[in-house]
C-alpha atoms as a PDB file:
ATOM      1  CA  MET A   1     -11.553   9.682  -7.693  1.00  0.00           C
ATOM      2  CA  ARG A   2     -10.511  11.325 -10.815  1.00  0.00           C
ATOM      3  CA  TYR A   3     -11.344   9.729 -14.530  1.00  0.00           C
ATOM      4  CA  ILE A   4      -9.701   9.491 -17.536  1.00  0.00           C
ATOM      5  CA  PRO A   5     -11.813   8.901 -20.901  1.00  0.00           C
ATOM      6  CA  TYR A   6     -10.411   8.045 -23.694  1.00  0.00           C
ATOM      7  CA  ASP A   7     -12.010   6.278 -26.470  1.00  0.00           C
ATOM      8  CA  ILE A   8     -11.596   2.855 -27.689  1.00  0.00           C
ATOM      9  CA  LYS A   9     -13.406   1.981 -31.013  1.00  0.00           C
ATOM     10  CA  GLN A  10     -15.914   5.217 -30.787  1.00  0.00           C
ATOM     11  CA  ARG A  11     -16.610   4.040 -27.385  1.00  0.00           C
ATOM     12  CA  LYS A  12     -16.538   5.754 -24.744  1.00  0.00           C
ATOM     13  CA  GLU A  13     -14.691   4.095 -21.884  1.00  0.00           C
ATOM     14  CA  TYR A  14     -13.468   5.881 -17.916  1.00  0.00           C
ATOM     15  CA  ILE A  15     -10.204   4.297 -16.074  1.00  0.00           C
ATOM     16  CA  THR A  16     -10.075   5.047 -12.345  1.00  0.00           C
ATOM     17  CA  MET A  17      -7.342   6.442 -11.343  1.00  0.00           C
ATOM     18  CA  THR A  18      -5.641   6.238  -7.645  1.00  0.00           C
ATOM     19  CA  ASP A  19      -6.694   9.122  -5.206  1.00  0.00           C
ATOM     20  CA  ILE A  20      -3.224  10.495  -5.352  1.00  0.00           C
ATOM     21  CA  THR A  21      -4.396  12.689  -2.465  1.00  0.00           C
ATOM     22  CA  LYS A  22      -4.519   9.734   0.123  1.00  0.00           C
ATOM     23  CA  TYR A  23      -1.843   7.068  -1.177  1.00  0.00           C
ATOM     24  CA  LYS A  24       1.813   7.665  -2.100  1.00  0.00           C
ATOM     25  CA  ASN A  25       4.248   5.859  -3.541  1.00  0.00           C
ATOM     26  CA  VAL A  26       7.852   3.294  -2.485  1.00  0.00           C
ATOM     27  CA  SER A  27      10.300   1.455  -4.509  1.00  0.00           C
ATOM     28  CA  LEU A  28      11.229  -1.268  -2.783  1.00  0.00           C
ATOM     29  CA  SER A  29      14.196  -3.689  -3.914  1.00  0.00           C
ATOM     30  CA  HIS A  30      13.320  -7.559  -4.560  1.00  0.00           C
ATOM     31  CA  ALA A  31      14.357  -9.028  -1.536  1.00  0.00           C
ATOM     32  CA  THR A  32      12.818  -6.218   0.641  1.00  0.00           C
ATOM     33  CA  TYR A  33       9.539  -7.012  -1.524  1.00  0.00           C
ATOM     34  CA  ASN A  34      10.147 -11.213  -0.847  1.00  0.00           C
ATOM     35  CA  MET A  35      10.217 -10.281   2.826  1.00  0.00           C
ATOM     36  CA  ILE A  36       7.657  -8.674   2.214  1.00  0.00           C
ATOM     37  CA  ASP A  37       5.382 -10.978   1.194  1.00  0.00           C
ATOM     38  CA  LYS A  38       6.544 -13.919   3.590  1.00  0.00           C
ATOM     39  CA  ILE A  39       5.968 -11.937   6.995  1.00  0.00           C
ATOM     40  CA  ARG A  40       1.934 -10.870   5.561  1.00  0.00           C
ATOM     41  CA  LYS A  41       1.360 -14.941   5.052  1.00  0.00           C
ATOM     42  CA  VAL A  42       2.883 -15.575   9.219  1.00  0.00           C
ATOM     43  CA  ILE A  43       1.533 -12.038  10.960  1.00  0.00           C
ATOM     44  CA  GLN A  44      -2.043 -13.563  10.375  1.00  0.00           C
ATOM     45  CA  PRO A  45      -2.538 -17.366   9.348  1.00  0.00           C
ATOM     46  CA  ASP A  46      -6.068 -17.968   8.680  1.00  0.00           C
ATOM     47  CA  THR A  47      -5.828 -14.326   6.643  1.00  0.00           C
ATOM     48  CA  VAL A  48      -3.672 -12.826   3.783  1.00  0.00           C
ATOM     49  CA  LEU A  49      -2.957  -9.628   4.081  1.00  0.00           C
ATOM     50  CA  SER A  50      -2.244  -7.315   1.724  1.00  0.00           C
ATOM     51  CA  ARG A  51       1.385  -6.032   0.600  1.00  0.00           C
ATOM     52  CA  SER A  52       0.343  -1.919   1.809  1.00  0.00           C
ATOM     53  CA  GLN A  53      -2.083  -3.404   4.891  1.00  0.00           C
ATOM     54  CA  THR A  54       1.126  -5.195   5.941  1.00  0.00           C
ATOM     55  CA  ILE A  55       3.561  -2.566   5.759  1.00  0.00           C
ATOM     56  CA  SER A  56       0.587  -0.248   7.946  1.00  0.00           C
ATOM     57  CA  ILE A  57       1.131  -3.076  10.288  1.00  0.00           C
ATOM     58  CA  LEU A  58       4.645  -2.987  10.507  1.00  0.00           C
ATOM     59  CA  VAL A  59       5.508   0.025  10.885  1.00  0.00           C
ATOM     60  CA  ASN A  60       2.388   0.773  13.495  1.00  0.00           C
ATOM     61  CA  GLU A  61       4.562  -1.301  15.436  1.00  0.00           C
ATOM     62  CA  LYS A  62       7.564   0.267  15.346  1.00  0.00           C
ATOM     63  CA  ALA A  63       6.031   3.800  16.134  1.00  0.00           C
ATOM     64  CA  ARG A  64       4.169   2.474  18.523  1.00  0.00           C
ATOM     65  CA  LYS A  65       7.626   1.159  19.910  1.00  0.00           C
ATOM     66  CA  LEU A  66       9.530   4.208  19.719  1.00  0.00           C
ATOM     67  CA  ASN A  67       6.670   5.578  22.040  1.00  0.00           C
ATOM     68  CA  GLY A  68       6.853   9.209  21.233  1.00  0.00           C
ATOM     69  CA  LYS A  69      10.375   9.292  19.786  1.00  0.00           C
ATOM     70  CA  VAL A  70       8.776   9.442  17.090  1.00  0.00           C
ATOM     71  CA  LYS A  71       7.186  13.820  16.359  1.00  0.00           C
ATOM     72  CA  GLU A  72       3.755  14.596  13.755  1.00  0.00           C
ATOM     73  CA  LYS A  73       3.872  17.600  11.999  1.00  0.00           C
END
C-alpha cells in the first residue's frame, strides 16, 4: 500500500491508497449498476455481497460455462 502524506492543521496524517497493482476500475451504466445491486442480494440471500464480489462470481460462472474457450495470456 502507498501512503500519501498531507498536512491538516500542522498535523501529519496519512491516506491509505488502493494498491493499483491488485485492482482495476470499470465504468458501468446506471442500469447495470442497479442490476448488480439486485443480483447481489439474490445470489446469497442470507449474505449481502459487495458489488465487486458479485461481479467476480458472475464472471467466474461465465468463464466455467465457456469451458476452456477463454484463453489465459
